[in-house]
N, C-alpha and C. Protein backbone atom coordinates (compact mmCIF):
# COMPACT_ATOMS: atom_id res chain seq x y z
N UNK A 1 124.74 17.08 -57.53
CA UNK A 1 124.47 18.54 -57.43
C UNK A 1 124.93 19.17 -58.90
N UNK A 2 123.97 19.96 -59.37
CA UNK A 2 124.21 20.76 -60.65
C UNK A 2 125.32 21.74 -60.43
N UNK A 3 126.12 21.98 -61.51
CA UNK A 3 127.04 23.07 -61.42
C UNK A 3 126.39 24.30 -61.99
N UNK A 4 127.06 25.47 -61.71
CA UNK A 4 126.52 26.77 -62.16
C UNK A 4 126.37 26.73 -63.66
N UNK A 5 127.03 26.13 -64.48
CA UNK A 5 126.98 26.13 -65.99
C UNK A 5 125.75 25.68 -66.32
N UNK A 6 125.23 24.61 -65.69
CA UNK A 6 123.87 23.98 -66.09
C UNK A 6 122.81 24.91 -65.71
N UNK A 7 122.82 25.51 -64.62
CA UNK A 7 121.77 26.44 -64.23
C UNK A 7 121.70 27.63 -65.11
N UNK A 8 122.81 28.33 -65.47
CA UNK A 8 122.90 29.49 -66.14
C UNK A 8 122.53 29.20 -67.72
N UNK A 9 122.88 28.00 -68.15
CA UNK A 9 122.69 27.72 -69.54
C UNK A 9 121.17 27.27 -69.93
N UNK A 10 120.37 27.33 -68.79
CA UNK A 10 118.94 26.90 -69.20
C UNK A 10 118.38 25.68 -68.68
N UNK A 11 119.26 25.07 -67.70
CA UNK A 11 118.72 23.85 -67.04
C UNK A 11 117.55 24.25 -66.13
N UNK A 12 117.02 23.15 -65.53
CA UNK A 12 115.82 23.36 -64.60
C UNK A 12 116.24 24.46 -63.69
N UNK A 13 115.19 25.29 -63.40
CA UNK A 13 115.38 26.34 -62.39
C UNK A 13 116.29 27.60 -62.73
N UNK A 14 116.62 27.58 -63.90
CA UNK A 14 117.53 28.74 -64.51
C UNK A 14 116.64 29.96 -64.38
N UNK A 15 115.41 30.07 -64.81
CA UNK A 15 114.77 31.40 -64.68
C UNK A 15 114.57 31.86 -63.27
N UNK A 16 114.29 31.02 -62.30
CA UNK A 16 114.18 31.32 -60.96
C UNK A 16 115.45 31.96 -60.47
N UNK A 17 116.62 31.10 -60.74
CA UNK A 17 117.87 31.62 -60.25
C UNK A 17 118.24 32.77 -60.86
N UNK A 18 118.08 33.13 -62.06
CA UNK A 18 118.31 34.34 -62.76
C UNK A 18 117.56 35.46 -62.09
N UNK A 19 116.34 35.32 -61.78
CA UNK A 19 115.55 36.28 -61.32
C UNK A 19 116.01 36.59 -59.69
N UNK A 20 116.36 35.42 -59.07
CA UNK A 20 116.80 35.53 -57.67
C UNK A 20 118.07 36.41 -57.64
N UNK A 21 119.02 35.99 -58.61
CA UNK A 21 120.31 36.75 -58.64
C UNK A 21 120.21 38.16 -58.83
N UNK A 22 119.33 38.66 -59.91
CA UNK A 22 119.09 39.98 -60.22
C UNK A 22 118.43 40.75 -58.87
N UNK A 23 117.54 40.20 -58.33
CA UNK A 23 117.04 40.78 -57.24
C UNK A 23 117.87 40.99 -56.06
N UNK A 24 118.79 40.04 -55.85
CA UNK A 24 119.81 40.05 -54.76
C UNK A 24 120.78 41.22 -55.22
N UNK A 25 121.13 41.36 -56.49
CA UNK A 25 122.03 42.42 -56.89
C UNK A 25 121.41 43.83 -56.76
N UNK A 26 120.19 43.94 -56.67
CA UNK A 26 119.46 45.28 -56.76
C UNK A 26 119.41 45.67 -55.24
N UNK A 27 119.40 45.03 -54.31
CA UNK A 27 119.09 45.35 -52.87
C UNK A 27 120.15 46.50 -52.58
N UNK A 28 121.54 46.32 -52.75
CA UNK A 28 122.55 47.46 -52.31
C UNK A 28 122.13 48.90 -53.05
N UNK A 29 121.74 48.78 -54.47
CA UNK A 29 121.40 50.01 -55.03
C UNK A 29 120.17 50.63 -54.42
N UNK A 30 119.19 49.87 -54.13
CA UNK A 30 117.98 50.38 -53.50
C UNK A 30 118.20 51.03 -52.17
N UNK A 31 118.97 50.26 -51.34
CA UNK A 31 119.16 50.71 -49.92
C UNK A 31 120.00 52.05 -50.04
N UNK A 32 121.03 52.10 -50.98
CA UNK A 32 121.87 53.36 -50.99
C UNK A 32 120.95 54.46 -51.50
N UNK A 33 120.09 54.37 -52.48
CA UNK A 33 119.25 55.39 -52.88
C UNK A 33 118.24 55.88 -51.81
N UNK A 34 117.78 55.07 -51.06
CA UNK A 34 116.82 55.38 -49.97
C UNK A 34 117.66 56.09 -48.89
N UNK A 35 118.69 55.70 -48.61
CA UNK A 35 119.63 56.54 -47.40
C UNK A 35 119.95 57.76 -47.99
N UNK A 36 120.23 57.96 -49.32
CA UNK A 36 120.58 59.35 -49.83
C UNK A 36 119.46 60.25 -49.82
N UNK A 37 118.17 59.71 -50.07
CA UNK A 37 117.06 60.62 -50.02
C UNK A 37 116.84 61.26 -48.52
N UNK A 38 116.99 60.36 -47.61
CA UNK A 38 116.75 60.77 -46.18
C UNK A 38 117.78 61.77 -45.86
N UNK A 39 119.04 61.68 -46.14
CA UNK A 39 120.02 62.55 -45.83
C UNK A 39 119.99 63.91 -46.48
N UNK A 40 119.45 63.98 -47.73
CA UNK A 40 119.26 65.40 -48.42
C UNK A 40 117.97 65.97 -48.31
N UNK A 41 116.96 65.18 -47.67
CA UNK A 41 115.51 65.79 -47.55
C UNK A 41 115.67 67.12 -46.71
N UNK A 42 115.05 68.05 -47.10
CA UNK A 42 114.95 69.36 -46.42
C UNK A 42 113.92 69.17 -45.22
N UNK A 43 114.25 69.71 -44.07
CA UNK A 43 113.39 69.41 -42.86
C UNK A 43 112.07 70.25 -43.09
N UNK A 44 111.06 69.63 -42.39
CA UNK A 44 109.72 70.25 -42.59
C UNK A 44 109.53 71.04 -41.18
N UNK A 45 109.00 72.23 -41.36
CA UNK A 45 108.71 72.97 -40.14
C UNK A 45 107.32 73.55 -40.16
N UNK A 46 106.78 74.08 -39.06
CA UNK A 46 105.49 74.78 -38.97
C UNK A 46 105.69 76.26 -38.55
N UNK A 47 104.94 77.12 -39.16
CA UNK A 47 105.13 78.54 -38.90
C UNK A 47 103.72 79.03 -38.46
N UNK A 48 103.61 79.57 -37.11
CA UNK A 48 102.43 80.18 -36.67
C UNK A 48 102.58 81.58 -37.02
N UNK A 49 101.58 82.07 -37.77
CA UNK A 49 101.51 83.44 -38.07
C UNK A 49 100.40 84.27 -37.13
N UNK A 50 100.84 85.22 -36.39
CA UNK A 50 99.97 85.78 -35.49
C UNK A 50 99.65 87.28 -35.84
N UNK A 51 98.42 87.72 -35.86
CA UNK A 51 98.06 88.95 -36.37
C UNK A 51 97.89 89.80 -35.24
N UNK A 52 98.90 90.62 -34.86
CA UNK A 52 98.70 91.53 -33.65
C UNK A 52 98.57 93.10 -34.12
N UNK A 53 98.06 93.21 -35.39
CA UNK A 53 98.15 94.57 -35.97
C UNK A 53 96.51 94.90 -36.09
N UNK A 54 96.31 96.09 -36.42
CA UNK A 54 94.85 96.64 -36.76
C UNK A 54 94.42 96.16 -38.12
N UNK A 55 95.21 95.69 -38.93
CA UNK A 55 94.85 95.35 -40.37
C UNK A 55 94.25 94.01 -40.43
N UNK A 56 93.45 93.72 -41.25
CA UNK A 56 92.84 92.44 -41.61
C UNK A 56 93.82 91.79 -42.63
N UNK A 57 94.38 90.60 -42.28
CA UNK A 57 95.21 90.07 -43.37
C UNK A 57 94.41 88.98 -44.28
N UNK A 58 94.32 89.17 -45.50
CA UNK A 58 93.53 88.44 -46.37
C UNK A 58 94.25 87.34 -47.13
N UNK A 59 95.64 87.61 -47.31
CA UNK A 59 96.46 86.63 -48.13
C UNK A 59 97.78 86.44 -47.37
N UNK A 60 98.27 85.29 -47.51
CA UNK A 60 99.59 84.78 -46.87
C UNK A 60 100.43 84.11 -47.93
N UNK A 61 101.67 84.44 -48.03
CA UNK A 61 102.44 83.68 -48.80
C UNK A 61 103.94 83.43 -48.46
N UNK A 62 104.63 82.42 -48.93
CA UNK A 62 105.89 82.12 -48.78
C UNK A 62 106.76 82.28 -49.87
N UNK A 63 107.96 82.62 -49.69
CA UNK A 63 109.05 82.99 -50.71
C UNK A 63 110.41 82.67 -50.28
N UNK A 64 111.30 82.36 -51.22
CA UNK A 64 112.66 82.31 -50.91
C UNK A 64 113.09 83.61 -50.29
N UNK A 65 113.98 83.79 -49.44
CA UNK A 65 114.41 84.97 -48.95
C UNK A 65 115.05 85.99 -49.94
N UNK A 66 115.76 85.49 -50.97
CA UNK A 66 116.41 86.27 -52.02
C UNK A 66 115.48 86.57 -53.29
N UNK A 67 114.28 86.18 -53.18
CA UNK A 67 113.40 86.36 -54.31
C UNK A 67 112.07 87.11 -53.83
N UNK A 68 111.31 87.65 -54.88
CA UNK A 68 110.10 88.12 -54.62
C UNK A 68 108.81 87.38 -55.15
N UNK A 69 109.25 86.13 -55.46
CA UNK A 69 108.30 85.21 -56.25
C UNK A 69 107.42 84.64 -55.04
N UNK A 70 106.27 84.67 -55.13
CA UNK A 70 105.40 84.15 -54.25
C UNK A 70 104.69 82.84 -54.57
N UNK A 71 104.48 82.06 -53.66
CA UNK A 71 103.77 80.78 -53.86
C UNK A 71 102.19 81.00 -53.64
N UNK A 72 101.50 80.01 -53.64
CA UNK A 72 100.00 80.09 -53.71
C UNK A 72 99.50 80.81 -52.29
N UNK A 73 98.39 81.34 -52.21
CA UNK A 73 97.78 81.99 -51.00
C UNK A 73 97.53 80.89 -50.27
N UNK A 74 98.10 80.95 -48.88
CA UNK A 74 97.99 79.83 -47.84
C UNK A 74 96.65 80.09 -46.99
N UNK A 75 96.11 81.21 -46.97
CA UNK A 75 94.98 81.54 -46.16
C UNK A 75 93.72 80.91 -46.99
N UNK A 76 93.59 80.95 -48.27
CA UNK A 76 92.63 80.29 -49.04
C UNK A 76 91.13 80.72 -48.70
N UNK A 77 91.06 82.12 -48.57
CA UNK A 77 89.89 82.84 -48.15
C UNK A 77 89.58 82.94 -46.73
N UNK A 78 90.45 82.64 -45.85
CA UNK A 78 90.39 82.77 -44.46
C UNK A 78 90.91 84.19 -44.19
N UNK A 79 90.35 85.02 -43.31
CA UNK A 79 90.86 86.43 -43.01
C UNK A 79 91.49 86.30 -41.45
N UNK A 80 92.60 86.84 -41.40
CA UNK A 80 93.17 86.94 -39.99
C UNK A 80 92.97 88.31 -39.53
N UNK A 81 92.02 88.48 -38.51
CA UNK A 81 91.80 89.80 -37.84
C UNK A 81 92.69 89.92 -36.64
N UNK A 82 92.68 90.97 -36.01
CA UNK A 82 93.54 91.31 -34.78
C UNK A 82 93.29 90.14 -33.79
N UNK A 83 94.36 89.61 -33.35
CA UNK A 83 94.32 88.53 -32.36
C UNK A 83 94.29 87.04 -32.95
N UNK A 84 94.01 87.01 -34.19
CA UNK A 84 93.87 85.69 -34.71
C UNK A 84 95.22 85.16 -35.09
N UNK A 85 95.38 83.76 -35.29
CA UNK A 85 96.64 83.26 -35.69
C UNK A 85 96.17 82.10 -36.80
N UNK A 86 97.25 81.84 -37.44
CA UNK A 86 97.11 80.72 -38.48
C UNK A 86 98.40 80.09 -38.60
N UNK A 87 98.35 78.69 -38.63
CA UNK A 87 99.55 77.78 -38.67
C UNK A 87 99.74 77.23 -40.03
N UNK A 88 100.86 77.29 -40.57
CA UNK A 88 101.20 76.90 -41.80
C UNK A 88 102.08 75.44 -41.66
N UNK A 89 101.53 74.50 -41.97
CA UNK A 89 102.21 73.08 -41.66
C UNK A 89 102.95 72.57 -42.81
N UNK A 90 104.04 71.91 -42.44
CA UNK A 90 104.87 71.21 -43.57
C UNK A 90 105.54 72.18 -44.49
N UNK A 91 106.12 73.12 -44.04
CA UNK A 91 106.86 74.09 -44.84
C UNK A 91 108.33 73.48 -44.87
N UNK A 92 108.86 73.54 -46.08
CA UNK A 92 110.14 73.14 -46.67
C UNK A 92 110.97 74.37 -46.79
N UNK A 93 112.03 74.37 -46.22
CA UNK A 93 113.00 75.51 -46.33
C UNK A 93 114.09 74.85 -47.13
N UNK A 94 114.48 75.71 -48.36
CA UNK A 94 115.66 75.32 -49.17
C UNK A 94 116.82 75.74 -48.50
N UNK A 95 116.82 76.81 -47.63
CA UNK A 95 118.03 77.36 -47.04
C UNK A 95 117.76 77.40 -45.47
N UNK A 96 118.52 78.43 -44.87
CA UNK A 96 118.31 78.61 -43.41
C UNK A 96 117.16 79.37 -42.93
N UNK A 97 116.60 80.16 -43.92
CA UNK A 97 115.51 80.99 -43.67
C UNK A 97 114.39 80.94 -44.83
N UNK A 98 113.29 81.55 -44.44
CA UNK A 98 112.18 81.53 -45.44
C UNK A 98 111.40 82.93 -45.11
N UNK A 99 110.97 83.49 -46.36
CA UNK A 99 110.24 84.85 -46.15
C UNK A 99 108.69 84.50 -46.16
N UNK A 100 108.08 85.27 -45.25
CA UNK A 100 106.61 85.28 -45.22
C UNK A 100 106.11 86.53 -45.81
N UNK A 101 105.01 86.66 -46.57
CA UNK A 101 104.53 87.90 -47.02
C UNK A 101 103.11 87.90 -46.71
N UNK A 102 102.66 88.77 -46.00
CA UNK A 102 101.10 89.06 -45.65
C UNK A 102 100.67 90.18 -46.44
N UNK A 103 99.33 90.04 -46.95
CA UNK A 103 98.79 91.06 -47.61
C UNK A 103 97.44 91.56 -47.05
N UNK A 104 97.19 92.65 -46.76
CA UNK A 104 96.02 93.09 -46.03
C UNK A 104 94.80 93.32 -47.04
N UNK A 105 93.60 93.62 -46.56
CA UNK A 105 92.49 93.78 -47.55
C UNK A 105 92.65 94.94 -48.70
N UNK A 106 93.43 95.86 -48.26
CA UNK A 106 93.63 96.94 -49.25
C UNK A 106 94.79 96.74 -50.20
N UNK A 107 95.48 95.63 -50.05
CA UNK A 107 96.72 95.29 -50.94
C UNK A 107 97.91 95.71 -50.32
N UNK A 108 98.17 96.12 -49.18
CA UNK A 108 99.46 96.55 -48.59
C UNK A 108 100.06 95.20 -48.24
N UNK A 109 101.35 95.09 -48.44
CA UNK A 109 102.24 93.90 -48.28
C UNK A 109 103.24 94.24 -47.01
N UNK A 110 103.30 93.29 -46.22
CA UNK A 110 104.15 93.28 -45.06
C UNK A 110 105.07 91.94 -45.10
N UNK A 111 106.32 91.99 -44.95
CA UNK A 111 107.15 90.68 -44.98
C UNK A 111 108.14 90.41 -43.85
N UNK A 112 108.33 89.28 -43.55
CA UNK A 112 109.29 88.96 -42.60
C UNK A 112 110.07 87.70 -42.83
N UNK A 113 111.10 87.46 -42.14
CA UNK A 113 111.99 86.38 -42.51
C UNK A 113 112.04 85.54 -41.12
N UNK A 114 111.75 84.27 -41.36
CA UNK A 114 111.90 83.28 -40.08
C UNK A 114 112.97 82.30 -40.30
N UNK A 115 113.51 81.99 -39.22
CA UNK A 115 114.51 81.02 -39.10
C UNK A 115 114.07 79.55 -39.39
N UNK A 116 114.65 78.69 -40.03
CA UNK A 116 114.17 77.31 -40.43
C UNK A 116 114.95 76.42 -39.42
N UNK A 117 115.66 76.68 -38.57
CA UNK A 117 116.52 75.75 -37.93
C UNK A 117 115.63 74.98 -36.70
N UNK A 118 114.53 75.27 -36.50
CA UNK A 118 113.72 74.63 -35.46
C UNK A 118 112.40 73.95 -36.06
N UNK A 119 111.82 73.14 -35.43
CA UNK A 119 110.70 72.41 -35.85
C UNK A 119 109.49 73.35 -35.99
N UNK A 120 109.44 74.47 -35.24
CA UNK A 120 108.29 75.29 -35.42
C UNK A 120 108.71 76.77 -34.96
N UNK A 121 108.15 77.71 -35.45
CA UNK A 121 108.40 79.12 -35.20
C UNK A 121 107.20 79.99 -35.27
N UNK A 122 107.15 81.24 -34.80
CA UNK A 122 106.10 82.15 -34.81
C UNK A 122 106.55 83.33 -35.53
N UNK A 123 105.65 84.08 -36.31
CA UNK A 123 105.90 85.26 -36.85
C UNK A 123 104.64 86.27 -36.55
N UNK A 124 105.04 87.44 -35.76
CA UNK A 124 103.87 88.12 -35.43
C UNK A 124 103.97 89.55 -36.25
N UNK A 125 102.73 89.70 -36.77
CA UNK A 125 102.42 90.89 -37.51
C UNK A 125 102.07 92.03 -36.64
N UNK A 126 102.70 93.16 -36.65
CA UNK A 126 102.34 94.37 -35.80
C UNK A 126 102.08 95.62 -36.60
N UNK A 127 101.41 96.65 -36.09
CA UNK A 127 101.37 97.90 -36.69
C UNK A 127 102.65 98.61 -36.96
N UNK A 128 103.69 98.29 -36.21
CA UNK A 128 104.97 98.74 -36.38
C UNK A 128 105.71 98.49 -37.63
N UNK A 129 105.41 97.32 -38.22
CA UNK A 129 106.10 96.70 -39.28
C UNK A 129 105.81 97.68 -40.49
N UNK A 130 106.71 98.11 -41.45
CA UNK A 130 106.43 98.82 -42.58
C UNK A 130 105.58 97.91 -43.53
N UNK A 131 104.75 98.61 -44.18
CA UNK A 131 103.77 98.03 -45.27
C UNK A 131 104.08 98.64 -46.56
N UNK A 132 104.14 97.86 -47.60
CA UNK A 132 104.46 98.43 -48.86
C UNK A 132 102.96 98.38 -49.63
N UNK A 133 102.57 99.49 -49.73
CA UNK A 133 101.20 99.76 -50.38
C UNK A 133 101.17 100.16 -51.87
N UNK A 134 102.23 99.99 -52.43
CA UNK A 134 102.53 100.32 -53.87
C UNK A 134 102.56 101.73 -54.29
N UNK A 135 102.86 102.59 -53.33
CA UNK A 135 102.90 103.98 -53.57
C UNK A 135 104.20 104.40 -54.12
């Protein structure tokens, strides 16, 4: 039987043994990194937006609660008329809540905040909600 010095110093099978030992040493690091990603991943939720107002909603955005920065238009050309609904899939919340901003065809904005603690939630737009029309 060959001793470890012969294998490490370049004897037959040294390359295989070196690669095997390196691969074996990397397993705990890979497992630890994968476990960390699973623990820190933000949950994905779906939000159903229901238009129960007389306005036609032409654009829909998400934003952090404490900011006015909007992401891309989620309706992408779809118009939500009275009675229509639209489900936003795969929403990532960086905190406990997320802000939804709806814009109607004349440019008035309505927003609301939904809770991110459940897998899915609804947000209903009504005529009673205040709208910011830039006045």
